[in-house]
N, C-alpha and C. Protein backbone atom coordinates (compact mmCIF):
# COMPACT_ATOMS: atom_id res chain seq x y z
N UNK A 1 115.37 -189.29 -50.75
CA UNK A 1 114.32 -189.10 -51.93
C UNK A 1 114.98 -189.68 -53.18
N UNK A 2 114.36 -190.30 -54.20
CA UNK A 2 114.79 -191.50 -55.20
C UNK A 2 114.56 -190.14 -56.04
N UNK A 3 115.30 -190.62 -57.58
CA UNK A 3 115.31 -189.83 -58.62
C UNK A 3 114.14 -189.59 -59.13
N UNK A 4 113.23 -190.56 -59.27
CA UNK A 4 112.12 -190.64 -59.90
C UNK A 4 111.12 -189.44 -59.17
N UNK A 5 111.24 -189.53 -57.91
CA UNK A 5 110.34 -188.74 -56.85
C UNK A 5 110.96 -187.27 -57.18
N UNK A 6 112.27 -187.07 -57.44
CA UNK A 6 113.01 -185.63 -57.67
C UNK A 6 112.52 -185.16 -58.85
N UNK A 7 112.53 -185.64 -60.35
CA UNK A 7 111.65 -185.75 -61.11
C UNK A 7 110.51 -185.32 -60.98
N UNK A 8 109.48 -186.08 -60.56
CA UNK A 8 108.16 -185.87 -60.47
C UNK A 8 108.09 -184.41 -59.44
N UNK A 9 109.28 -184.12 -58.57
CA UNK A 9 108.80 -183.08 -57.91
C UNK A 9 108.75 -181.80 -59.06
N UNK A 10 110.13 -181.88 -59.59
CA UNK A 10 110.77 -180.77 -60.84
C UNK A 10 109.71 -180.52 -61.63
N UNK A 11 108.72 -181.83 -62.28
CA UNK A 11 107.72 -181.33 -63.34
C UNK A 11 106.60 -180.61 -62.45
N UNK A 12 106.05 -180.82 -60.98
CA UNK A 12 105.33 -180.31 -60.60
C UNK A 12 105.45 -178.74 -60.59
N UNK A 13 106.57 -178.34 -60.41
CA UNK A 13 107.08 -176.99 -59.95
C UNK A 13 107.27 -176.38 -61.50
N UNK A 14 107.82 -177.07 -62.41
CA UNK A 14 107.30 -176.45 -63.66
C UNK A 14 106.05 -176.50 -64.16
N UNK A 15 105.23 -177.17 -63.87
CA UNK A 15 103.91 -177.16 -64.13
C UNK A 15 102.94 -175.57 -63.89
N UNK A 16 103.77 -175.28 -62.61
CA UNK A 16 103.04 -173.94 -61.76
C UNK A 16 103.85 -173.25 -62.65
N UNK A 17 104.85 -173.18 -63.06
CA UNK A 17 105.48 -172.00 -63.70
C UNK A 17 104.86 -171.74 -64.98
N UNK A 18 104.48 -172.81 -65.78
CA UNK A 18 104.13 -172.78 -67.21
C UNK A 18 102.56 -172.44 -66.78
N UNK A 19 102.04 -172.82 -66.07
CA UNK A 19 100.47 -172.36 -66.07
C UNK A 19 100.44 -170.98 -65.51
N UNK A 20 101.39 -170.33 -64.54
CA UNK A 20 101.76 -168.68 -64.47
C UNK A 20 101.62 -168.20 -65.68
N UNK A 21 102.74 -168.85 -66.67
CA UNK A 21 103.08 -167.69 -67.78
C UNK A 21 101.70 -167.80 -69.06
N UNK A 22 101.09 -169.18 -68.85
CA UNK A 22 99.96 -168.90 -69.72
C UNK A 22 99.10 -168.06 -69.13
N UNK A 23 98.73 -167.94 -68.17
CA UNK A 23 97.84 -167.18 -67.16
C UNK A 23 98.21 -165.52 -67.87
N UNK A 24 99.62 -165.19 -67.49
CA UNK A 24 99.99 -164.47 -67.53
C UNK A 24 99.67 -163.67 -68.78
N UNK A 25 100.07 -164.34 -70.33
CA UNK A 25 99.78 -164.13 -71.32
C UNK A 25 98.36 -163.78 -71.68
N UNK A 26 97.69 -164.55 -71.05
CA UNK A 26 96.28 -164.50 -71.11
C UNK A 26 95.56 -162.94 -70.89
N UNK A 27 96.24 -162.72 -69.62
CA UNK A 27 95.79 -161.44 -69.08
C UNK A 27 96.58 -160.30 -69.80
N UNK A 28 97.75 -160.30 -70.62
CA UNK A 28 98.37 -159.29 -71.09
C UNK A 28 97.57 -159.03 -72.25
N UNK A 29 96.88 -160.11 -73.16
CA UNK A 29 96.14 -160.15 -74.17
C UNK A 29 94.87 -159.23 -73.77
N UNK A 30 94.36 -159.49 -72.64
CA UNK A 30 93.10 -158.99 -72.62
C UNK A 30 93.42 -157.41 -72.12
N UNK A 31 94.60 -157.18 -71.70
CA UNK A 31 94.82 -155.57 -71.51
C UNK A 31 95.04 -155.17 -72.58
N UNK A 32 95.68 -155.62 -73.85
CA UNK A 32 96.01 -155.00 -74.71
C UNK A 32 94.90 -155.20 -75.79
N UNK A 33 93.49 -155.82 -75.75
CA UNK A 33 92.25 -155.43 -76.14
C UNK A 33 91.55 -154.56 -75.55
N UNK A 34 91.23 -154.87 -74.30
CA UNK A 34 90.33 -154.07 -73.62
C UNK A 34 91.01 -152.34 -73.03
N UNK A 35 92.12 -152.40 -73.11
CA UNK A 35 92.68 -150.90 -72.80
C UNK A 35 93.67 -150.59 -73.76
N UNK A 36 93.65 -151.18 -75.03
CA UNK A 36 94.50 -150.86 -76.11
C UNK A 36 95.84 -150.31 -76.21
N UNK A 37 96.82 -151.08 -74.71
CA UNK A 37 98.04 -150.36 -74.39
C UNK A 37 98.75 -151.76 -74.07
N UNK A 38 100.27 -151.99 -74.18
CA UNK A 38 100.78 -153.02 -74.04
C UNK A 38 101.33 -152.86 -72.44
N UNK A 39 101.44 -154.11 -71.81
CA UNK A 39 101.64 -154.02 -70.49
C UNK A 39 103.14 -154.63 -70.23
N UNK A 40 104.07 -154.27 -70.20
CA UNK A 40 105.07 -155.02 -69.99
C UNK A 40 105.68 -155.54 -68.73
N UNK A 41 105.24 -155.25 -67.90
CA UNK A 41 105.14 -156.07 -66.41
C UNK A 41 104.66 -157.31 -66.34
N UNK A 42 103.87 -157.63 -67.02
CA UNK A 42 103.10 -158.81 -67.29
C UNK A 42 103.71 -159.42 -68.31
N UNK A 43 104.00 -158.94 -69.33
CA UNK A 43 105.19 -159.62 -70.37
C UNK A 43 106.54 -160.13 -69.85
N UNK A 44 106.92 -159.61 -68.85
CA UNK A 44 107.97 -159.89 -67.89
C UNK A 44 107.63 -160.92 -66.88
N UNK A 45 106.67 -160.69 -66.33
CA UNK A 45 106.44 -162.09 -65.69
C UNK A 45 105.72 -163.13 -65.97
N UNK A 46 105.45 -163.07 -67.27
CA UNK A 46 105.12 -164.56 -68.24
C UNK A 46 106.63 -165.05 -68.78
N UNK A 47 107.55 -164.33 -68.82
CA UNK A 47 109.13 -164.63 -69.32
C UNK A 47 109.51 -164.92 -67.94
N UNK A 48 109.53 -164.57 -66.83
CA UNK A 48 109.71 -165.34 -65.74
C UNK A 48 109.29 -166.63 -65.24
N UNK A 49 108.02 -166.61 -65.49
CA UNK A 49 107.62 -168.04 -65.28
C UNK A 49 108.29 -168.71 -66.13
N UNK A 50 108.20 -168.59 -67.68
CA UNK A 50 108.51 -169.58 -68.55
C UNK A 50 109.97 -170.00 -68.30
N UNK A 51 110.60 -169.01 -67.83
CA UNK A 51 112.03 -169.57 -67.71
C UNK A 51 112.39 -170.48 -66.56
N UNK A 52 111.64 -170.16 -65.38
CA UNK A 52 111.35 -171.24 -64.18
C UNK A 52 110.87 -172.46 -64.93
N UNK A 53 109.81 -172.81 -65.48
CA UNK A 53 109.33 -173.95 -65.74
C UNK A 53 110.44 -174.53 -66.62
N UNK A 54 111.15 -173.97 -67.86
CA UNK A 54 111.84 -174.05 -68.79
C UNK A 54 113.37 -175.13 -68.04
N UNK A 55 113.57 -174.20 -66.83
CA UNK A 55 114.71 -174.63 -66.28
C UNK A 55 114.43 -175.78 -65.39
N UNK A 56 113.20 -176.18 -64.50
CA UNK A 56 112.47 -177.29 -63.95
C UNK A 56 112.35 -178.43 -64.98
N UNK A 57 111.95 -178.35 -66.44
CA UNK A 57 111.87 -179.23 -67.25
C UNK A 57 113.18 -179.70 -67.49
N UNK A 58 113.87 -178.82 -68.06
CA UNK A 58 115.26 -179.31 -68.51
C UNK A 58 115.89 -180.40 -67.31
N UNK A 59 115.76 -179.89 -66.17
CA UNK A 59 116.54 -180.69 -65.17
C UNK A 59 115.86 -181.96 -65.07
N UNK A 60 114.60 -181.82 -65.09
CA UNK A 60 113.74 -183.12 -64.78
C UNK A 60 113.76 -184.16 -66.40
N UNK A 61 113.82 -183.56 -67.31
CA UNK A 61 113.67 -184.72 -68.45
C UNK A 61 114.68 -184.00 -69.55
N UNK A 62 114.31 -183.37 -70.81
CA UNK A 62 115.60 -182.67 -71.46
C UNK A 62 114.75 -181.30 -72.32
N UNK A 63 115.09 -181.39 -73.46
CA UNK A 63 114.67 -180.28 -73.99
C UNK A 63 113.33 -180.28 -74.53
N UNK A 64 113.38 -181.86 -74.74
CA UNK A 64 111.98 -182.18 -75.71
C UNK A 64 110.71 -181.81 -74.32
N UNK A 65 111.25 -182.16 -73.50
CA UNK A 65 110.12 -182.08 -72.41
C UNK A 65 109.65 -180.19 -72.57
N UNK A 66 110.36 -179.49 -72.69
CA UNK A 66 109.83 -178.14 -72.63
C UNK A 66 108.50 -177.96 -73.88
N UNK A 67 109.01 -178.72 -75.29
CA UNK A 67 107.66 -178.62 -75.94
C UNK A 67 106.69 -179.27 -75.57
N UNK A 68 106.95 -180.65 -75.33
CA UNK A 68 106.11 -181.66 -74.96
C UNK A 68 105.10 -181.13 -73.91
N UNK A 69 105.78 -181.05 -72.71
CA UNK A 69 105.09 -180.69 -71.30
C UNK A 69 104.40 -179.46 -70.95
N UNK A 70 105.56 -178.10 -71.50
CA UNK A 70 105.47 -176.74 -71.38
C UNK A 70 104.48 -176.60 -72.41
N UNK A 71 104.58 -176.80 -73.54
CA UNK A 71 103.91 -176.26 -75.05
C UNK A 71 102.20 -176.60 -74.33
N UNK A 72 101.90 -177.97 -73.97
CA UNK A 72 100.94 -178.14 -73.55
C UNK A 72 99.95 -177.26 -72.25
N UNK A 73 101.18 -177.32 -71.21
CA UNK A 73 100.65 -176.46 -70.20
C UNK A 73 100.52 -175.18 -70.24
N UNK A 74 101.14 -174.38 -70.96
CA UNK A 74 101.20 -172.96 -71.31
C UNK A 74 99.72 -172.92 -72.14
N UNK A 75 99.33 -173.85 -73.01
CA UNK A 75 98.32 -173.51 -73.60
C UNK A 75 97.16 -173.82 -73.17
N UNK A 76 96.75 -174.79 -72.21
CA UNK A 76 95.75 -175.12 -71.46
C UNK A 76 95.50 -173.90 -70.65
N UNK A 77 96.84 -173.45 -69.66
CA UNK A 77 96.36 -172.49 -68.93
C UNK A 77 95.63 -171.40 -69.69
N UNK A 78 96.31 -170.96 -70.82
CA UNK A 78 95.85 -169.79 -71.44
C UNK A 78 94.13 -169.89 -71.94
N UNK A 79 94.23 -170.98 -72.71
CA UNK A 79 92.77 -171.08 -72.92
C UNK A 79 91.97 -170.85 -71.98
N UNK A 80 91.97 -171.45 -70.58
CA UNK A 80 91.47 -171.54 -69.39
C UNK A 80 91.05 -170.00 -68.82
N UNK A 81 92.35 -169.43 -68.69
CA UNK A 81 92.26 -168.07 -68.49
C UNK A 81 91.84 -166.84 -69.32
N UNK A 82 91.63 -167.26 -70.52
CA UNK A 82 91.30 -166.06 -71.55
C UNK A 82 90.05 -166.39 -71.53
N UNK A 83 89.39 -167.83 -71.20
CA UNK A 83 87.87 -167.90 -71.56
C UNK A 83 87.50 -167.11 -69.82
N UNK A 84 88.28 -167.12 -68.91
CA UNK A 84 87.66 -166.99 -67.89
C UNK A 84 87.44 -165.00 -67.78
N UNK A 85 88.59 -164.48 -68.27
CA UNK A 85 88.39 -162.85 -68.68
C UNK A 85 87.47 -162.65 -69.80
N UNK A 86 86.81 -163.41 -70.61
CA UNK A 86 85.72 -163.12 -71.33
C UNK A 86 86.18 -162.90 -72.89
N UNK A 87 87.39 -163.31 -73.19
CA UNK A 87 87.87 -162.78 -74.57
C UNK A 87 87.39 -164.33 -75.68
N UNK A 88 86.89 -165.30 -75.37
CA UNK A 88 86.36 -166.02 -76.13
C UNK A 88 85.18 -167.00 -75.31
N UNK A 89 84.61 -167.52 -76.03
CA UNK A 89 83.38 -168.57 -75.19
C UNK A 89 83.70 -170.04 -76.17
N UNK A 90 83.59 -170.91 -75.55
CA UNK A 90 83.55 -172.33 -75.91
C UNK A 90 82.04 -173.02 -75.72
N UNK A 91 81.55 -173.13 -76.99
CA UNK A 91 80.22 -173.82 -76.94
C UNK A 91 80.31 -175.35 -77.48
N UNK A 92 79.44 -176.19 -77.10
CA UNK A 92 79.44 -177.45 -77.46
C UNK A 92 78.67 -177.84 -78.92
N UNK A 93 77.57 -176.72 -79.11
CA UNK A 93 77.15 -176.71 -80.29
C UNK A 93 76.68 -175.77 -80.84
N UNK A 94 76.62 -175.28 -81.87
CA UNK A 94 76.50 -173.77 -82.11
C UNK A 94 74.58 -174.11 -82.37
N UNK A 95 74.05 -172.37 -81.97
CA UNK A 95 72.76 -172.61 -81.93
C UNK A 95 72.05 -172.68 -83.39
N UNK A 96 72.62 -172.48 -84.64
CA UNK A 96 72.13 -172.59 -85.64
C UNK A 96 71.79 -174.05 -86.03
N UNK A 97 71.90 -174.96 -85.15
CA UNK A 97 71.80 -176.55 -85.40
C UNK A 97 70.86 -177.22 -84.84
N UNK A 98 70.04 -176.49 -83.86
CA UNK A 98 69.16 -176.77 -83.15
C UNK A 98 67.97 -177.25 -84.03
N UNK A 99 67.09 -177.89 -83.66
CA UNK A 99 65.92 -177.96 -84.33
C UNK A 99 64.95 -177.33 -83.81
N UNK A 100 64.14 -176.87 -84.22
CA UNK A 100 62.80 -175.83 -83.73
C UNK A 100 61.95 -176.68 -83.39
N UNK A 101 61.71 -175.74 -82.09
CA UNK A 101 60.72 -177.10 -81.33
C UNK A 101 59.12 -176.81 -81.97
N UNK A 102 58.37 -177.88 -82.00
CA UNK A 102 57.34 -177.85 -82.63
C UNK A 102 56.34 -176.82 -82.28
N UNK A 103 55.67 -176.20 -83.03
CA UNK A 103 54.52 -175.35 -82.42
C UNK A 103 52.69 -176.00 -82.65
N UNK A 104 52.36 -175.60 -81.46
CA UNK A 104 51.24 -176.09 -81.22
C UNK A 104 49.93 -175.01 -81.58
N UNK A 105 49.18 -175.19 -82.89
CA UNK A 105 48.33 -174.57 -83.07
C UNK A 105 46.94 -174.60 -82.59
N UNK A 106 46.32 -173.59 -82.19
CA UNK A 106 45.11 -173.88 -81.64
C UNK A 106 43.90 -173.33 -82.60
N UNK A 107 43.05 -174.36 -82.42
CA UNK A 107 41.82 -174.16 -83.48
C UNK A 107 40.85 -173.34 -82.69
N UNK A 108 40.02 -172.26 -82.74
CA UNK A 108 38.57 -172.05 -81.78
C UNK A 108 37.44 -172.20 -82.72
């Protein structure tokens, strides 16, 4: 296996770790909002995934890779998981901008 192949493999493992961290953070926020209590276990899982992803990224690239690659991966997985849990919705166009449909007046 070449050095470039090893870097790609490490970044794939890092992506899994960062995605798990983002999903765990969304789950922790969901538990905080819905039940009103902190879940330290999910927070620890998020920290573990973040550490794993960070170590794989540092081995593949550098510290700037954690910010560039890990930041985007954690953010994207958090957004996808939080939307799936119902914490917010993403709409392309608000309903207020829709034009009203023309009404048909009937005369008798």
